[in-house]
Amino acid sequence: MNWQALRLSVQVTAVASALIFVFGLALALLFARKRFPGQIVAETIITLPMVLPPTVVGFYLLLFLGQGGPIVGLLGLHVLFTWQAAAIAAAVAGLPLMVQSARAAIANVDPGLENAARGLGSSELAVFFRVTLPLARRGVLAGVLLGSARALGEFGATLMVAGNIPGRTQTMPLAIYDAVQGGRNDLAAQMVLLMSVLAFLGLWWVRRIEQLRRRQLPGQTEVKGQGA
C-alpha cells in the first residue's frame, strides 16, 4: 500500500469536503430561495464540471490559479503544483453534487415554517440554522457525502494543476495510475480495492439517508393534515 498517497488523499479530501460544504450550501440556499437575472447561467456553470472532460476543468483551473489569475493577482497566493491545488480541483469536481442535493432538500422545506420563525423575531441566520438546515439536513449530508466521494476520486484536473509528485501531490488515483504504468499490478490492486470500498461505503450511506427521508415524508404529511 502507498501510505503517502493515502495520507495525502485523506488530507486533500478533508479540505475539499470543507470547501464543498461551505460553498455548496451557500449556493444551494441561494438557488433554492432566490430568483435573480442570470440564475440559469450561474447554475449551468456550477454544473459544468459534471459533464466537461477533467482536462478541460483542469485547464480552466490553471488559468484561475496561475500567473495572471485572480488567486495570484489579487491574493498573491501561488498554489499550483501543491496539495492545496489538488484540494481545490477536488472541491470543484465535487461541488455540483453537493449543490444539486442540498438545493433539492432546501427547496422542500416548507417556507411557512421559516416565516413563522421570522414572525417570532428570529433573524435570517437563526432561521437558517434553527429551521432550514435541520429540516434539510439529510439532503445536505447526502450532498456532502457524494461530493466528498467524487473529490476522493478526482484525477484529471488534479493532474493538470497539482502534477503527480510522490509525497507532495500524488493522491491515490494518481498513485494507481503510476503503479499500473510501472507494472506493479499487485500494488495497484490493493489501492483499487481500498478506493472501491470507500466509494461503496459512501454511496451506501447516501442510499440509507434517502430511505430515511422517504420514510419520514408520510409522517410529515400526516402531521400537516392533522394541523389543518
Protein backbone atom coordinates (compact mmCIF):
# COMPACT_ATOMS: atom_id res chain seq x y z
CA MET A 1 0.00 0.00 0.00
CA ASN A 2 1.18 3.51 -0.84
CA TRP A 3 0.64 5.10 2.56
CA GLN A 4 1.92 8.52 1.49
CA ALA A 5 -0.66 8.70 -1.28
CA LEU A 6 -3.38 7.51 1.10
CA ARG A 7 -2.47 10.12 3.72
CA LEU A 8 -2.41 12.86 1.09
CA SER A 9 -5.75 11.72 -0.34
CA VAL A 10 -7.34 11.92 3.10
CA GLN A 11 -5.87 15.39 3.62
CA VAL A 12 -6.97 16.65 0.20
CA THR A 13 -10.46 15.14 0.56
CA ALA A 14 -10.93 16.62 4.05
CA VAL A 15 -10.10 20.14 2.84
CA ALA A 16 -12.14 19.67 -0.34
CA SER A 17 -15.12 18.43 1.70
CA ALA A 18 -14.99 21.54 3.89
CA LEU A 19 -14.95 23.75 0.79
CA ILE A 20 -17.77 21.73 -0.77
CA PHE A 21 -19.89 22.08 2.37
CA VAL A 22 -19.41 25.83 2.82
CA PHE A 23 -19.68 26.96 -0.81
CA GLY A 24 -22.14 24.25 -1.84
CA LEU A 25 -24.53 25.06 1.00
CA ALA A 26 -24.37 28.79 0.26
CA LEU A 27 -25.05 28.22 -3.44
CA ALA A 28 -27.83 25.72 -2.74
CA LEU A 29 -29.56 28.19 -0.43
CA LEU A 30 -29.18 30.97 -2.99
CA PHE A 31 -30.58 28.89 -5.86
CA ALA A 32 -33.42 27.43 -3.78
CA ARG A 33 -34.66 30.64 -2.18
CA LYS A 34 -33.76 33.46 -4.61
CA ARG A 35 -34.59 34.34 -8.19
CA PHE A 36 -32.21 36.67 -10.00
CA PRO A 37 -31.20 37.55 -13.59
CA GLY A 38 -28.73 35.05 -15.00
CA GLN A 39 -29.60 32.36 -12.47
CA ILE A 40 -29.87 29.65 -15.11
CA VAL A 41 -26.44 30.62 -16.45
CA ALA A 42 -24.95 30.52 -12.94
CA GLU A 43 -26.49 27.12 -12.20
CA THR A 44 -25.24 25.77 -15.52
CA ILE A 45 -21.69 26.96 -14.83
CA ILE A 46 -21.71 25.29 -11.41
CA THR A 47 -22.89 22.03 -13.03
CA LEU A 48 -20.39 22.10 -15.92
CA PRO A 49 -17.65 20.07 -14.13
CA MET A 50 -20.01 17.08 -14.17
CA VAL A 51 -20.05 16.95 -17.97
CA LEU A 52 -16.80 18.59 -19.10
CA PRO A 53 -13.70 16.43 -19.58
CA PRO A 54 -11.49 16.66 -16.47
CA THR A 55 -8.67 18.10 -18.56
CA VAL A 56 -10.91 20.99 -19.62
CA VAL A 57 -11.79 21.69 -15.99
CA GLY A 58 -8.09 21.47 -15.18
CA PHE A 59 -7.24 23.98 -17.90
CA TYR A 60 -9.75 26.48 -16.51
CA LEU A 61 -8.25 25.97 -13.06
CA LEU A 62 -4.78 26.60 -14.49
CA LEU A 63 -5.99 29.97 -15.76
CA PHE A 64 -7.67 30.70 -12.42
CA LEU A 65 -4.78 29.65 -10.18
CA GLY A 66 -1.83 30.51 -12.41
CA GLN A 67 0.05 33.70 -13.18
CA GLY A 68 -2.38 36.39 -14.23
CA GLY A 69 -5.25 34.68 -12.45
CA PRO A 70 -7.19 36.20 -9.53
CA ILE A 71 -5.59 33.96 -6.89
CA VAL A 72 -2.09 35.24 -7.71
CA GLY A 73 -3.07 38.73 -8.87
CA LEU A 74 -5.42 39.64 -6.01
CA LEU A 75 -4.27 37.43 -3.14
CA GLY A 76 -0.65 36.79 -4.07
CA LEU A 77 -1.05 33.06 -3.43
CA HIS A 78 0.94 30.59 -5.53
CA VAL A 79 -0.75 27.21 -5.16
CA LEU A 80 -0.07 25.48 -8.48
CA PHE A 81 1.61 22.08 -8.07
CA THR A 82 0.85 21.93 -4.35
CA TRP A 83 -1.57 19.74 -2.42
CA GLN A 84 -3.73 22.83 -1.92
CA ALA A 85 -4.24 22.98 -5.70
CA ALA A 86 -5.27 19.32 -5.58
CA ALA A 87 -7.83 20.17 -2.89
CA ILE A 88 -9.27 22.99 -4.99
CA ALA A 89 -9.53 20.72 -8.03
CA ALA A 90 -11.25 18.04 -5.93
CA ALA A 91 -13.67 20.60 -4.49
CA VAL A 92 -14.60 21.90 -7.95
CA ALA A 93 -15.27 18.33 -9.10
CA GLY A 94 -17.49 17.51 -6.13
CA LEU A 95 -19.30 20.84 -5.77
CA PRO A 96 -22.09 20.20 -8.34
CA LEU A 97 -23.24 17.06 -6.50
CA MET A 98 -23.49 18.96 -3.22
CA VAL A 99 -25.35 21.88 -4.79
CA GLN A 100 -27.92 19.67 -6.51
CA SER A 101 -28.68 17.54 -3.46
CA ALA A 102 -28.73 20.39 -0.94
CA ARG A 103 -30.77 22.63 -3.21
CA ALA A 104 -33.48 19.99 -3.60
CA ALA A 105 -33.55 19.43 0.17
CA ILE A 106 -33.79 23.16 0.96
CA ALA A 107 -36.47 23.70 -1.69
CA ASN A 108 -38.60 21.03 0.02
CA VAL A 109 -38.55 22.86 3.36
CA ASP A 110 -41.94 24.48 3.98
CA PRO A 111 -41.45 28.27 3.70
CA GLY A 112 -44.32 28.67 6.14
CA LEU A 113 -42.17 27.26 8.92
CA GLU A 114 -39.42 29.72 8.09
CA ASN A 115 -41.88 32.61 8.01
CA ALA A 116 -43.28 31.54 11.36
CA ALA A 117 -39.80 31.70 12.86
CA ARG A 118 -39.30 35.16 11.36
CA GLY A 119 -42.62 36.23 12.83
CA LEU A 120 -41.34 35.19 16.26
CA GLY A 121 -38.41 37.56 15.87
CA SER A 122 -35.71 35.21 14.59
CA SER A 123 -33.02 36.68 12.36
CA GLU A 124 -32.35 35.23 8.91
CA LEU A 125 -29.26 33.49 10.25
CA ALA A 126 -31.21 31.99 13.13
CA VAL A 127 -33.98 30.84 10.77
CA PHE A 128 -31.43 29.10 8.60
CA PHE A 129 -29.63 27.27 11.42
CA ARG A 130 -32.70 26.50 13.55
CA VAL A 131 -35.29 25.72 10.89
CA THR A 132 -34.00 25.35 7.34
CA LEU A 133 -30.80 23.40 7.94
CA PRO A 134 -32.25 20.90 10.47
CA LEU A 135 -35.16 20.10 8.13
CA ALA A 136 -32.87 19.78 5.10
CA ARG A 137 -30.06 18.02 6.97
CA ARG A 138 -30.41 14.63 5.27
CA GLY A 139 -30.23 16.10 1.77
CA VAL A 140 -27.30 18.28 2.79
CA LEU A 141 -25.47 15.31 4.32
CA ALA A 142 -26.11 13.25 1.20
CA GLY A 143 -24.67 16.06 -0.92
CA VAL A 144 -21.55 16.30 1.24
CA LEU A 145 -21.03 12.53 1.03
CA LEU A 146 -21.47 12.43 -2.74
CA GLY A 147 -19.24 15.47 -3.23
CA SER A 148 -16.56 14.02 -0.96
CA ALA A 149 -16.64 10.68 -2.78
CA ARG A 150 -16.21 12.50 -6.08
CA ALA A 151 -13.39 14.58 -4.59
CA LEU A 152 -11.61 11.44 -3.37
CA GLY A 153 -11.59 10.00 -6.88
CA GLU A 154 -10.59 13.16 -8.76
CA PHE A 155 -7.79 12.50 -11.27
CA GLY A 156 -7.66 14.61 -14.44
CA ALA A 157 -8.00 18.14 -13.07
CA THR A 158 -5.70 17.26 -10.17
CA LEU A 159 -3.00 16.12 -12.59
CA MET A 160 -3.30 19.40 -14.51
CA VAL A 161 -2.97 21.80 -11.56
CA ALA A 162 -1.04 19.77 -8.96
CA GLY A 163 1.03 17.35 -11.00
CA ASN A 164 1.98 13.87 -9.88
CA ILE A 165 4.76 14.43 -7.34
CA PRO A 166 5.19 11.46 -4.94
CA GLY A 167 4.89 12.55 -1.34
CA ARG A 168 3.71 16.05 -2.27
CA THR A 169 0.78 15.96 -4.70
CA GLN A 170 0.36 12.29 -5.59
CA THR A 171 -3.10 11.21 -4.43
CA MET A 172 -4.45 7.65 -4.56
CA PRO A 173 -5.89 7.89 -8.12
CA LEU A 174 -2.54 9.19 -9.38
CA ALA A 175 -0.66 6.52 -7.44
CA ILE A 176 -2.86 3.83 -9.02
CA TYR A 177 -2.06 5.20 -12.46
CA ASP A 178 1.66 5.19 -11.67
CA ALA A 179 1.52 1.64 -10.33
CA VAL A 180 -0.22 0.35 -13.45
CA GLN A 181 2.21 2.20 -15.72
CA GLY A 182 5.10 0.68 -13.79
CA GLY A 183 3.74 -2.86 -13.98
CA ARG A 184 3.10 -3.06 -10.20
CA ASN A 185 -0.32 -4.57 -10.59
CA ASP A 186 -0.43 -6.06 -7.09
CA LEU A 187 0.07 -2.64 -5.54
CA ALA A 188 -2.46 -1.13 -7.92
CA ALA A 189 -4.99 -3.84 -6.99
CA GLN A 190 -4.61 -3.06 -3.29
CA MET A 191 -5.25 0.63 -3.83
CA VAL A 192 -8.13 -0.03 -6.24
CA LEU A 193 -9.77 -2.30 -3.66
CA LEU A 194 -9.44 0.34 -0.95
CA MET A 195 -10.85 3.08 -3.18
CA SER A 196 -13.73 0.82 -4.21
CA VAL A 197 -14.59 0.03 -0.59
CA LEU A 198 -14.54 3.71 0.38
CA ALA A 199 -16.73 4.64 -2.59
CA PHE A 200 -19.15 1.80 -1.82
CA LEU A 201 -19.48 2.86 1.82
CA GLY A 202 -20.10 6.47 0.82
CA LEU A 203 -22.81 5.54 -1.70
CA TRP A 204 -24.37 3.04 0.72
CA TRP A 205 -24.63 5.75 3.35
CA VAL A 206 -26.29 8.09 0.85
CA ARG A 207 -28.86 5.43 -0.04
CA ARG A 208 -29.60 4.86 3.65
CA ILE A 209 -30.16 8.60 4.09
CA GLU A 210 -32.54 8.62 1.11
CA GLN A 211 -34.50 5.72 2.61
CA LEU A 212 -34.86 7.61 5.89
CA ARG A 213 -36.08 10.68 4.02
CA ARG A 214 -38.73 8.66 2.16
CA ARG A 215 -39.92 7.06 5.39
CA GLN A 216 -40.22 10.44 7.04
CA LEU A 217 -42.34 12.04 4.32
CA PRO A 218 -45.62 10.18 5.10
CA GLY A 219 -45.31 11.18 8.74
CA GLN A 220 -44.79 14.79 7.83
CA THR A 221 -47.84 14.73 5.56
CA GLU A 222 -49.96 13.23 8.32
CA VAL A 223 -48.87 15.91 10.80
CA LYS A 224 -49.75 18.65 8.36
CA GLY A 225 -53.16 17.10 7.77
CA GLN A 226 -53.88 16.93 11.49
CA GLY A 227 -52.75 20.51 11.99
CA ALA A 228 -55.06 21.66 9.19
